[in-house]
Amino acid sequence: MTAMELGLIGLGKMGGNMRERIRQAGHTVIGYDRDPELSDVGSLTELVGRLEGPRVIWVMVPAGGPTQSVVDELGDLLEAGDTVVDGGNSRWTDDEKHAEELGAQGIGFVDAGVSGGVWGLENGYALMVGGDKEHVDRLQPIFEALKPEGPYGYVHAGRVGAGHFSKMVHNGIEYAMMQAYAEGWELLQAADSVTDVREVFRSWQQGTVIRSWLLDLAVDALDEDEYLEKLRGYAQDSGEGRWTVEAAIDNAVPLPAITASLFARFASRQDDSPQMKMIAALRNQFGGHSVESAK
């Protein structure tokens, strides 16, 4: 294994665990975060100065304005031959813009859709990567450090934007799967004849075609709060569900299940929805997303 040196910007729930997993694999990671208690350096300028060229910098900050701001600053600090990886949840069209901006200065750009949530440190992160082969190949030791053990969990999905497009579709599927579990849970709760809904969910964990990690997490959530009484039936959307539906419209691809699951989240903001209690519980279980307490 070739040991690498990596700059990592954004040390929150995902970024902080990624820093630790990459270090455990024998690589050097210098992290920067606006929170000085988390950061290894005091500024982006110091981070870039600490890295030997050609540099690799991985960005893990919120999509949109925060990512654009970091990319703009890196464009002023980095040199030709350096490479930037956006591992956040950026829209794929932003990737194309960032690759063009940085490429004009000879700086490589790779987009990486990262899935694994708060469990990634222990289990590894599924990686969907987009970019030119020369830039992607350079990062292989880091991808190998982050991905789960075994032959799966990593793909070079295509050119710039393909990684985040793939992660967007992944999240759209996730929306629909969570919605199906939530609807089934509410229907079981409504049936007088079913007296132990939690154990019905548990029984599905072995031998059924709907067994999955999400189902395991649903059972974990029900073990913590059997009737989800501590939660308000309100679920946010990260934005990727909306982008998935918009991409489906642009490509004339019917997505009735994913679209309905997105609209169900919108409905949760109008009334206290039993289904959305399960969605909120699942998002908290796999990603550490915040939940709203029942009043």
C-alpha atoms as a PDB file:
ATOM      1  CA  MET A   1       0.000   0.000   0.000  1.00  0.00           C
ATOM      2  CA  THR A   2       1.208   3.478  -0.880  1.00  0.00           C
ATOM      3  CA  ALA A   3       0.775   5.824   2.083  1.00  0.00           C
ATOM      4  CA  MET A   4      -0.774   9.123   1.070  1.00  0.00           C
ATOM      5  CA  GLU A   5      -1.168  12.571   2.561  1.00  0.00           C
ATOM      6  CA  LEU A   6      -4.639  14.089   2.467  1.00  0.00           C
ATOM      7  CA  GLY A   7      -6.211  17.378   3.448  1.00  0.00           C
ATOM      8  CA  LEU A   8      -9.794  16.981   4.692  1.00  0.00           C
ATOM      9  CA  ILE A   9     -12.133  19.966   5.025  1.00  0.00           C
ATOM     10  CA  GLY A  10     -15.224  19.470   7.203  1.00  0.00           C
ATOM     11  CA  LEU A  11     -14.952  17.259  10.294  1.00  0.00           C
ATOM     12  CA  GLY A  12     -18.593  16.769  11.245  1.00  0.00           C
ATOM     13  CA  LYS A  13     -20.370  13.443  11.772  1.00  0.00           C
ATOM     14  CA  MET A  14     -19.175  12.060   8.427  1.00  0.00           C
ATOM     15  CA  GLY A  15     -15.906  13.900   7.925  1.00  0.00           C
ATOM     16  CA  GLY A  16     -14.596  13.277  11.430  1.00  0.00           C
ATOM     17  CA  ASN A  17     -15.148   9.527  11.153  1.00  0.00           C
ATOM     18  CA  MET A  18     -13.663   9.462   7.669  1.00  0.00           C
ATOM     19  CA  ARG A  19     -10.507  11.151   8.978  1.00  0.00           C
ATOM     20  CA  GLU A  20     -10.186   8.420  11.607  1.00  0.00           C
ATOM     21  CA  ARG A  21     -10.785   5.542   9.165  1.00  0.00           C
ATOM     22  CA  ILE A  22      -8.232   6.896   6.684  1.00  0.00           C
ATOM     23  CA  ARG A  23      -5.676   7.316   9.469  1.00  0.00           C
ATOM     24  CA  GLN A  24      -6.307   3.772  10.661  1.00  0.00           C
ATOM     25  CA  ALA A  25      -5.326   2.613   7.168  1.00  0.00           C
ATOM     26  CA  GLY A  26      -1.900   4.234   7.556  1.00  0.00           C
ATOM     27  CA  HIS A  27      -2.388   7.492   5.677  1.00  0.00           C
ATOM     28  CA  THR A  28      -1.709  11.014   6.922  1.00  0.00           C
ATOM     29  CA  VAL A  29      -4.780  13.248   7.239  1.00  0.00           C
ATOM     30  CA  ILE A  30      -4.629  16.941   8.098  1.00  0.00           C
ATOM     31  CA  GLY A  31      -8.132  18.142   8.843  1.00  0.00           C
ATOM     32  CA  TYR A  32      -9.666  21.597   8.867  1.00  0.00           C
ATOM     33  CA  ASP A  33     -12.977  22.598  10.412  1.00  0.00           C
ATOM     34  CA  ARG A  34     -14.434  25.927  11.466  1.00  0.00           C
ATOM     35  CA  ASP A  35     -14.710  24.444  14.963  1.00  0.00           C
ATOM     36  CA  PRO A  36     -11.183  24.823  16.379  1.00  0.00           C
ATOM     37  CA  GLU A  37     -11.754  21.924  18.775  1.00  0.00           C
ATOM     38  CA  LEU A  38     -12.072  19.569  15.797  1.00  0.00           C
ATOM     39  CA  SER A  39      -9.489  21.132  13.494  1.00  0.00           C
ATOM     40  CA  ASP A  40      -5.835  20.193  13.068  1.00  0.00           C
ATOM     41  CA  VAL A  41      -5.007  23.607  11.574  1.00  0.00           C
ATOM     42  CA  GLY A  42      -6.264  27.148  11.967  1.00  0.00           C
ATOM     43  CA  SER A  43      -7.188  27.964   8.362  1.00  0.00           C
ATOM     44  CA  LEU A  44      -7.428  26.682   4.802  1.00  0.00           C
ATOM     45  CA  THR A  45      -4.245  28.561   4.038  1.00  0.00           C
ATOM     46  CA  GLU A  46      -2.420  26.686   6.789  1.00  0.00           C
ATOM     47  CA  LEU A  47      -3.911  23.387   5.604  1.00  0.00           C
ATOM     48  CA  VAL A  48      -2.633  23.877   2.049  1.00  0.00           C
ATOM     49  CA  GLY A  49       0.746  25.014   3.358  1.00  0.00           C
ATOM     50  CA  ARG A  50       1.136  21.853   5.436  1.00  0.00           C
ATOM     51  CA  LEU A  51       0.614  19.529   2.464  1.00  0.00           C
ATOM     52  CA  GLU A  52       3.371  18.579   0.058  1.00  0.00           C
ATOM     53  CA  GLY A  53       2.604  18.896  -3.647  1.00  0.00           C
ATOM     54  CA  PRO A  54       0.951  17.552  -5.621  1.00  0.00           C
ATOM     55  CA  ARG A  55      -1.782  17.933  -3.003  1.00  0.00           C
ATOM     56  CA  VAL A  56      -5.067  16.089  -2.557  1.00  0.00           C
ATOM     57  CA  ILE A  57      -7.842  17.872  -0.671  1.00  0.00           C
ATOM     58  CA  TRP A  58     -11.164  16.210   0.171  1.00  0.00           C
ATOM     59  CA  VAL A  59     -14.106  18.533   0.877  1.00  0.00           C
ATOM     60  CA  MET A  60     -16.934  17.402   3.216  1.00  0.00           C
ATOM     61  CA  VAL A  61     -19.107  20.485   3.723  1.00  0.00           C
ATOM     62  CA  PRO A  62     -22.800  21.186   2.997  1.00  0.00           C
ATOM     63  CA  ALA A  63     -23.837  21.401  -0.642  1.00  0.00           C
ATOM     64  CA  GLY A  64     -24.463  24.680  -2.411  1.00  0.00           C
ATOM     65  CA  GLY A  65     -22.988  27.917  -1.096  1.00  0.00           C
ATOM     66  CA  PRO A  66     -20.627  26.393   1.511  1.00  0.00           C
ATOM     67  CA  THR A  67     -19.075  24.021  -1.035  1.00  0.00           C
ATOM     68  CA  GLN A  68     -18.804  26.771  -3.657  1.00  0.00           C
ATOM     69  CA  SER A  69     -17.070  29.035  -1.142  1.00  0.00           C
ATOM     70  CA  VAL A  70     -14.506  26.350  -0.268  1.00  0.00           C
ATOM     71  CA  VAL A  71     -13.873  25.498  -3.922  1.00  0.00           C
ATOM     72  CA  ASP A  72     -13.375  29.192  -4.729  1.00  0.00           C
ATOM     73  CA  GLU A  73     -10.858  29.576  -1.907  1.00  0.00           C
ATOM     74  CA  LEU A  74      -9.022  26.408  -2.878  1.00  0.00           C
ATOM     75  CA  GLY A  75      -8.825  27.658  -6.442  1.00  0.00           C
ATOM     76  CA  ASP A  76      -6.819  30.623  -5.145  1.00  0.00           C
ATOM     77  CA  LEU A  77      -4.580  28.515  -2.884  1.00  0.00           C
ATOM     78  CA  LEU A  78      -3.804  25.377  -4.906  1.00  0.00           C
ATOM     79  CA  GLU A  79      -1.462  24.837  -7.836  1.00  0.00           C
ATOM     80  CA  ALA A  80      -1.547  22.967 -11.121  1.00  0.00           C
ATOM     81  CA  GLY A  81      -1.300  19.233 -10.469  1.00  0.00           C
ATOM     82  CA  ASP A  82      -3.278  19.320  -7.229  1.00  0.00           C
ATOM     83  CA  THR A  83      -6.625  17.515  -6.947  1.00  0.00           C
ATOM     84  CA  VAL A  84      -9.873  18.425  -5.171  1.00  0.00           C
ATOM     85  CA  VAL A  85     -12.464  15.810  -4.172  1.00  0.00           C
ATOM     86  CA  ASP A  86     -16.003  16.868  -3.285  1.00  0.00           C
ATOM     87  CA  GLY A  87     -17.377  14.137  -1.031  1.00  0.00           C
ATOM     88  CA  GLY A  88     -20.437  16.057   0.140  1.00  0.00           C
ATOM     89  CA  ASN A  89     -23.934  15.829  -1.293  1.00  0.00           C
ATOM     90  CA  SER A  90     -23.477  18.374  -4.070  1.00  0.00           C
ATOM     91  CA  ARG A  91     -25.720  18.438  -7.102  1.00  0.00           C
ATOM     92  CA  TRP A  92     -24.049  16.856 -10.125  1.00  0.00           C
ATOM     93  CA  THR A  93     -24.445  20.032 -12.171  1.00  0.00           C
ATOM     94  CA  ASP A  94     -22.324  21.858  -9.578  1.00  0.00           C
ATOM     95  CA  ASP A  95     -19.596  19.247 -10.112  1.00  0.00           C
ATOM     96  CA  GLU A  96     -19.409  20.105 -13.789  1.00  0.00           C
ATOM     97  CA  LYS A  97     -19.039  23.784 -12.904  1.00  0.00           C
ATOM     98  CA  HIS A  98     -16.350  23.141 -10.288  1.00  0.00           C
ATOM     99  CA  ALA A  99     -14.387  20.821 -12.589  1.00  0.00           C
ATOM    100  CA  GLU A 100     -14.371  23.479 -15.298  1.00  0.00           C
ATOM    101  CA  GLU A 101     -13.320  26.256 -12.902  1.00  0.00           C
ATOM    102  CA  LEU A 102     -10.496  24.267 -11.330  1.00  0.00           C
ATOM    103  CA  GLY A 103      -9.483  22.597 -14.573  1.00  0.00           C
ATOM    104  CA  ALA A 104      -8.749  26.009 -16.094  1.00  0.00           C
ATOM    105  CA  GLN A 105      -5.941  26.262 -13.515  1.00  0.00           C
ATOM    106  CA  GLY A 106      -4.685  22.715 -14.038  1.00  0.00           C
ATOM    107  CA  ILE A 107      -6.310  21.448 -10.823  1.00  0.00           C
ATOM    108  CA  GLY A 108      -8.042  18.060 -11.000  1.00  0.00           C
ATOM    109  CA  PHE A 109     -11.570  17.508  -9.693  1.00  0.00           C
ATOM    110  CA  VAL A 110     -13.318  14.324  -8.548  1.00  0.00           C
ATOM    111  CA  ASP A 111     -16.858  14.011  -7.188  1.00  0.00           C
ATOM    112  CA  ALA A 112     -17.510  11.245  -4.676  1.00  0.00           C
ATOM    113  CA  GLY A 113     -20.935  10.205  -3.495  1.00  0.00           C
ATOM    114  CA  VAL A 114     -20.381   8.791  -0.006  1.00  0.00           C
ATOM    115  CA  SER A 115     -22.854   6.552   1.816  1.00  0.00           C
ATOM    116  CA  GLY A 116     -22.383   5.059   5.261  1.00  0.00           C
ATOM    117  CA  GLY A 117     -23.666   7.598   7.746  1.00  0.00           C
ATOM    118  CA  VAL A 118     -22.571   7.360  11.352  1.00  0.00           C
ATOM    119  CA  TRP A 119     -21.727   3.655  10.877  1.00  0.00           C
ATOM    120  CA  GLY A 120     -19.082   4.271   8.228  1.00  0.00           C
ATOM    121  CA  LEU A 121     -16.111   4.341  10.601  1.00  0.00           C
ATOM    122  CA  GLU A 122     -16.830   0.757  11.639  1.00  0.00           C
ATOM    123  CA  ASN A 123     -18.365  -0.682   8.454  1.00  0.00           C
ATOM    124  CA  GLY A 124     -16.768   1.383   5.699  1.00  0.00           C
ATOM    125  CA  TYR A 125     -18.292   3.799   3.216  1.00  0.00           C
ATOM    126  CA  ALA A 126     -19.854   2.964  -0.127  1.00  0.00           C
ATOM    127  CA  LEU A 127     -18.233   5.236  -2.704  1.00  0.00           C
ATOM    128  CA  MET A 128     -19.604   6.325  -6.081  1.00  0.00           C
ATOM    129  CA  VAL A 129     -16.950   8.332  -7.913  1.00  0.00           C
ATOM    130  CA  GLY A 130     -16.966  10.535 -11.002  1.00  0.00           C
ATOM    131  CA  GLY A 131     -14.043  12.125 -12.822  1.00  0.00           C
ATOM    132  CA  ASP A 132     -11.204  11.610 -15.272  1.00  0.00           C
ATOM    133  CA  LYS A 133      -9.372   8.313 -14.887  1.00  0.00           C
ATOM    134  CA  GLU A 134      -6.028   9.956 -14.123  1.00  0.00           C
ATOM    135  CA  HIS A 135      -7.481  11.863 -11.178  1.00  0.00           C
ATOM    136  CA  VAL A 136      -9.525   8.924  -9.889  1.00  0.00           C
ATOM    137  CA  ASP A 137      -6.592   6.512 -10.121  1.00  0.00           C
ATOM    138  CA  ARG A 138      -4.439   8.835  -8.037  1.00  0.00           C
ATOM    139  CA  LEU A 139      -6.945   8.563  -5.185  1.00  0.00           C
ATOM    140  CA  GLN A 140      -7.264   4.773  -5.150  1.00  0.00           C
ATOM    141  CA  PRO A 141      -5.378   4.276  -1.843  1.00  0.00           C
ATOM    142  CA  ILE A 142      -7.820   6.648  -0.112  1.00  0.00           C
ATOM    143  CA  PHE A 143     -10.836   4.972  -1.704  1.00  0.00           C
ATOM    144  CA  GLU A 144      -9.510   1.586  -0.581  1.00  0.00           C
ATOM    145  CA  ALA A 145      -9.131   2.899   2.964  1.00  0.00           C
ATOM    146  CA  LEU A 146     -12.692   4.209   3.092  1.00  0.00           C
ATOM    147  CA  LYS A 147     -14.639   1.457   1.318  1.00  0.00           C
ATOM    148  CA  PRO A 148     -15.970  -1.653   3.098  1.00  0.00           C
ATOM    149  CA  GLU A 149     -13.825  -4.770   3.083  1.00  0.00           C
ATOM    150  CA  GLY A 150     -14.389  -7.092   0.145  1.00  0.00           C
ATOM    151  CA  PRO A 151     -14.920  -6.615  -3.589  1.00  0.00           C
ATOM    152  CA  TYR A 152     -17.910  -4.278  -3.447  1.00  0.00           C
ATOM    153  CA  GLY A 153     -18.706  -0.807  -2.166  1.00  0.00           C
ATOM    154  CA  TYR A 154     -16.718   1.231  -4.691  1.00  0.00           C
ATOM    155  CA  VAL A 155     -17.402   2.221  -8.289  1.00  0.00           C
ATOM    156  CA  HIS A 156     -15.893   4.667 -10.763  1.00  0.00           C
ATOM    157  CA  ALA A 157     -19.334   5.525 -12.111  1.00  0.00           C
ATOM    158  CA  GLY A 158     -18.272   7.719 -15.028  1.00  0.00           C
ATOM    159  CA  ARG A 159     -17.183  11.230 -15.858  1.00  0.00           C
ATOM    160  CA  VAL A 160     -17.437  14.267 -13.560  1.00  0.00           C
ATOM    161  CA  GLY A 161     -20.885  14.414 -11.947  1.00  0.00           C
ATOM    162  CA  ALA A 162     -21.536  10.672 -12.224  1.00  0.00           C
ATOM    163  CA  GLY A 163     -20.611  10.016  -8.599  1.00  0.00           C
ATOM    164  CA  HIS A 164     -23.049  12.516  -7.147  1.00  0.00           C
ATOM    165  CA  PHE A 165     -25.731  11.597  -9.699  1.00  0.00           C
ATOM    166  CA  SER A 166     -25.424   7.959  -8.591  1.00  0.00           C
ATOM    167  CA  LYS A 167     -25.573   8.950  -4.909  1.00  0.00           C
ATOM    168  CA  MET A 168     -28.646  11.081  -5.654  1.00  0.00           C
ATOM    169  CA  VAL A 169     -30.436   8.090  -7.187  1.00  0.00           C
ATOM    170  CA  HIS A 170     -29.295   5.955  -4.220  1.00  0.00           C
ATOM    171  CA  ASN A 171     -30.902   8.454  -1.855  1.00  0.00           C
ATOM    172  CA  GLY A 172     -34.082   8.533  -3.933  1.00  0.00           C
ATOM    173  CA  ILE A 173     -34.349   4.743  -3.619  1.00  0.00           C
ATOM    174  CA  GLU A 174     -33.677   5.098   0.103  1.00  0.00           C
ATOM    175  CA  TYR A 175     -36.611   7.541   0.377  1.00  0.00           C
ATOM    176  CA  ALA A 176     -38.961   5.018  -1.237  1.00  0.00           C
ATOM    177  CA  MET A 177     -37.737   2.065   0.842  1.00  0.00           C
ATOM    178  CA  MET A 178     -38.147   3.974   4.102  1.00  0.00           C
ATOM    179  CA  GLN A 179     -41.604   5.095   3.040  1.00  0.00           C
ATOM    180  CA  ALA A 180     -42.664   1.490   2.336  1.00  0.00           C
ATOM    181  CA  TYR A 181     -41.496   0.311   5.769  1.00  0.00           C
ATOM    182  CA  ALA A 182     -43.237   3.284   7.381  1.00  0.00           C
ATOM    183  CA  GLU A 183     -46.538   2.641   5.614  1.00  0.00           C
ATOM    184  CA  GLY A 184     -46.412  -1.042   6.554  1.00  0.00           C
ATOM    185  CA  TRP A 185     -45.698  -0.133  10.163  1.00  0.00           C
ATOM    186  CA  GLU A 186     -48.664   2.248  10.330  1.00  0.00           C
ATOM    187  CA  LEU A 187     -51.020  -0.322   8.787  1.00  0.00           C
ATOM    188  CA  LEU A 188     -49.908  -3.000  11.241  1.00  0.00           C
ATOM    189  CA  GLN A 189     -50.419  -0.556  14.113  1.00  0.00           C
ATOM    190  CA  ALA A 190     -53.954   0.162  12.874  1.00  0.00           C
ATOM    191  CA  ALA A 191     -55.004  -3.506  12.719  1.00  0.00           C
ATOM    192  CA  ASP A 192     -56.771  -4.733  15.875  1.00  0.00           C
ATOM    193  CA  SER A 193     -55.706  -8.309  15.207  1.00  0.00           C
ATOM    194  CA  VAL A 194     -51.966  -7.552  15.309  1.00  0.00           C
ATOM    195  CA  THR A 195     -50.857  -7.232  18.916  1.00  0.00           C
ATOM    196  CA  ASP A 196     -47.066  -7.014  18.597  1.00  0.00           C
ATOM    197  CA  VAL A 197     -45.992  -4.929  15.632  1.00  0.00           C
ATOM    198  CA  ARG A 198     -42.388  -4.664  16.772  1.00  0.00           C
ATOM    199  CA  GLU A 199     -41.976  -8.453  16.772  1.00  0.00           C
ATOM    200  CA  VAL A 200     -43.578  -8.680  13.338  1.00  0.00           C
ATOM    201  CA  PHE A 201     -40.874  -6.325  12.055  1.00  0.00           C
ATOM    202  CA  ARG A 202     -38.240  -8.405  13.886  1.00  0.00           C
ATOM    203  CA  SER A 203     -39.541 -11.615  12.316  1.00  0.00           C
ATOM    204  CA  TRP A 204     -38.898 -10.161   8.861  1.00  0.00           C
ATOM    205  CA  GLN A 205     -35.162  -9.862   9.528  1.00  0.00           C
ATOM    206  CA  GLN A 206     -34.497 -13.470   8.537  1.00  0.00           C
ATOM    207  CA  GLY A 207     -35.720 -15.439   5.545  1.00  0.00           C
ATOM    208  CA  THR A 208     -37.831 -12.744   3.889  1.00  0.00           C
ATOM    209  CA  VAL A 209     -37.315 -10.887   0.618  1.00  0.00           C
ATOM    210  CA  ILE A 210     -37.686  -7.499   2.360  1.00  0.00           C
ATOM    211  CA  ARG A 211     -34.894  -8.009   4.877  1.00  0.00           C
ATOM    212  CA  SER A 212     -32.344  -5.186   4.733  1.00  0.00           C
ATOM    213  CA  TRP A 213     -30.134  -2.953   6.845  1.00  0.00           C
ATOM    214  CA  LEU A 214     -32.950  -0.392   6.918  1.00  0.00           C
ATOM    215  CA  LEU A 215     -35.240  -3.048   8.372  1.00  0.00           C
ATOM    216  CA  ASP A 216     -32.614  -3.838  11.020  1.00  0.00           C
ATOM    217  CA  LEU A 217     -32.448  -0.146  11.883  1.00  0.00           C
ATOM    218  CA  ALA A 218     -36.240   0.036  12.082  1.00  0.00           C
ATOM    219  CA  VAL A 219     -36.183  -2.772  14.652  1.00  0.00           C
ATOM    220  CA  ASP A 220     -33.447  -0.952  16.587  1.00  0.00           C
ATOM    221  CA  ALA A 221     -35.613   2.180  16.622  1.00  0.00           C
ATOM    222  CA  LEU A 222     -38.640   0.223  17.852  1.00  0.00           C
ATOM    223  CA  ASP A 223     -36.536  -1.403  20.578  1.00  0.00           C
ATOM    224  CA  GLU A 224     -35.673   2.094  21.801  1.00  0.00           C
ATOM    225  CA  ASP A 225     -39.253   3.423  21.559  1.00  0.00           C
ATOM    226  CA  GLU A 226     -41.766   0.681  20.706  1.00  0.00           C
ATOM    227  CA  TYR A 227     -44.566   2.974  19.551  1.00  0.00           C
ATOM    228  CA  LEU A 228     -42.319   5.910  18.503  1.00  0.00           C
ATOM    229  CA  GLU A 229     -44.189   8.039  21.003  1.00  0.00           C
ATOM    230  CA  LYS A 230     -41.145  10.200  21.723  1.00  0.00           C
ATOM    231  CA  LEU A 231     -40.974  11.457  18.145  1.00  0.00           C
ATOM    232  CA  ARG A 232     -42.987  13.983  16.230  1.00  0.00           C
ATOM    233  CA  GLY A 233     -44.120  12.748  12.812  1.00  0.00           C
ATOM    234  CA  TYR A 234     -42.023  15.261  10.895  1.00  0.00           C
ATOM    235  CA  ALA A 235     -39.222  14.412   8.451  1.00  0.00           C
ATOM    236  CA  GLN A 236     -36.902  16.762   6.603  1.00  0.00           C
ATOM    237  CA  ASP A 237     -35.576  16.060   3.120  1.00  0.00           C
ATOM    238  CA  SER A 238     -31.919  16.567   2.264  1.00  0.00           C
ATOM    239  CA  GLY A 239     -32.664  17.989  -1.179  1.00  0.00           C
ATOM    240  CA  GLU A 240     -31.465  14.922  -3.063  1.00  0.00           C
ATOM    241  CA  GLY A 241     -34.974  13.497  -3.270  1.00  0.00           C
ATOM    242  CA  ARG A 242     -36.082  16.677  -5.027  1.00  0.00           C
ATOM    243  CA  TRP A 243     -33.117  16.522  -7.410  1.00  0.00           C
ATOM    244  CA  THR A 244     -33.930  12.878  -8.212  1.00  0.00           C
ATOM    245  CA  VAL A 245     -37.496  13.766  -9.161  1.00  0.00           C
ATOM    246  CA  GLU A 246     -36.291  16.753 -11.210  1.00  0.00           C
ATOM    247  CA  ALA A 247     -33.790  14.522 -13.047  1.00  0.00           C
ATOM    248  CA  ALA A 248     -36.573  12.026 -13.739  1.00  0.00           C
ATOM    249  CA  ILE A 249     -38.632  14.795 -15.327  1.00  0.00           C
ATOM    250  CA  ASP A 250     -35.648  15.959 -17.398  1.00  0.00           C
ATOM    251  CA  ASN A 251     -35.058  12.398 -18.643  1.00  0.00           C
ATOM    252  CA  ALA A 252     -38.758  11.419 -18.975  1.00  0.00           C
ATOM    253  CA  VAL A 253     -38.271   8.510 -16.553  1.00  0.00           C
ATOM    254  CA  PRO A 254     -41.315   7.616 -14.403  1.00  0.00           C
ATOM    255  CA  LEU A 255     -40.492   7.479 -10.662  1.00  0.00           C
ATOM    256  CA  PRO A 256     -43.893   7.087  -8.956  1.00  0.00           C
ATOM    257  CA  ALA A 257     -42.630   5.460  -5.733  1.00  0.00           C
ATOM    258  CA  ILE A 258     -39.725   7.863  -5.167  1.00  0.00           C
ATOM    259  CA  THR A 259     -41.868  10.877  -6.039  1.00  0.00           C
ATOM    260  CA  ALA A 260     -44.637   9.779  -3.676  1.00  0.00           C
ATOM    261  CA  SER A 261     -42.138   9.277  -0.845  1.00  0.00           C
ATOM    262  CA  LEU A 262     -40.844  12.823  -1.311  1.00  0.00           C
ATOM    263  CA  PHE A 263     -44.376  14.228  -1.277  1.00  0.00           C
ATOM    264  CA  ALA A 264     -45.119  12.231   1.875  1.00  0.00           C
ATOM    265  CA  ARG A 265     -42.335  14.110   3.629  1.00  0.00           C
ATOM    266  CA  PHE A 266     -43.900  17.371   2.558  1.00  0.00           C
ATOM    267  CA  ALA A 267     -47.200  16.150   4.010  1.00  0.00           C
ATOM    268  CA  SER A 268     -45.477  15.416   7.317  1.00  0.00           C
ATOM    269  CA  ARG A 269     -44.932  19.116   7.829  1.00  0.00           C
ATOM    270  CA  GLN A 270     -48.665  19.764   7.856  1.00  0.00           C
ATOM    271  CA  ASP A 271     -49.819  17.190  10.411  1.00  0.00           C
ATOM    272  CA  ASP A 272     -48.233  14.812  12.908  1.00  0.00           C
ATOM    273  CA  SER A 273     -47.885  11.731  10.710  1.00  0.00           C
ATOM    274  CA  PRO A 274     -47.391   8.244  12.217  1.00  0.00           C
ATOM    275  CA  GLN A 275     -45.490   7.193   9.058  1.00  0.00           C
ATOM    276  CA  MET A 276     -43.105  10.106   9.462  1.00  0.00           C
ATOM    277  CA  LYS A 277     -42.255   9.012  12.999  1.00  0.00           C
ATOM    278  CA  MET A 278     -40.731   5.888  11.455  1.00  0.00           C
ATOM    279  CA  ILE A 279     -38.959   7.913   8.732  1.00  0.00           C
ATOM    280  CA  ALA A 280     -37.529  10.253  11.384  1.00  0.00           C
ATOM    281  CA  ALA A 281     -36.448   7.277  13.521  1.00  0.00           C
ATOM    282  CA  LEU A 282     -34.708   5.580  10.585  1.00  0.00           C
ATOM    283  CA  ARG A 283     -32.867   8.760   9.546  1.00  0.00           C
ATOM    284  CA  ASN A 284     -31.644   9.146  13.127  1.00  0.00           C
ATOM    285  CA  GLN A 285     -30.525   5.495  13.270  1.00  0.00           C
ATOM    286  CA  PHE A 286     -28.458   5.388  10.085  1.00  0.00           C
ATOM    287  CA  GLY A 287     -27.256   8.945   9.755  1.00  0.00           C
ATOM    288  CA  GLY A 288     -27.502  10.558  13.178  1.00  0.00           C
ATOM    289  CA  HIS A 289     -29.935  13.073  11.711  1.00  0.00           C
ATOM    290  CA  SER A 290     -31.706  15.179  14.314  1.00  0.00           C
ATOM    291  CA  VAL A 291     -35.254  14.363  15.351  1.00  0.00           C
ATOM    292  CA  GLU A 292     -37.992  16.521  16.808  1.00  0.00           C
ATOM    293  CA  SER A 293     -39.394  15.449  20.169  1.00  0.00           C
ATOM    294  CA  ALA A 294     -43.095  14.926  20.577  1.00  0.00           C
ATOM    295  CA  LYS A 295     -44.709  17.828  22.383  1.00  0.00           C
END
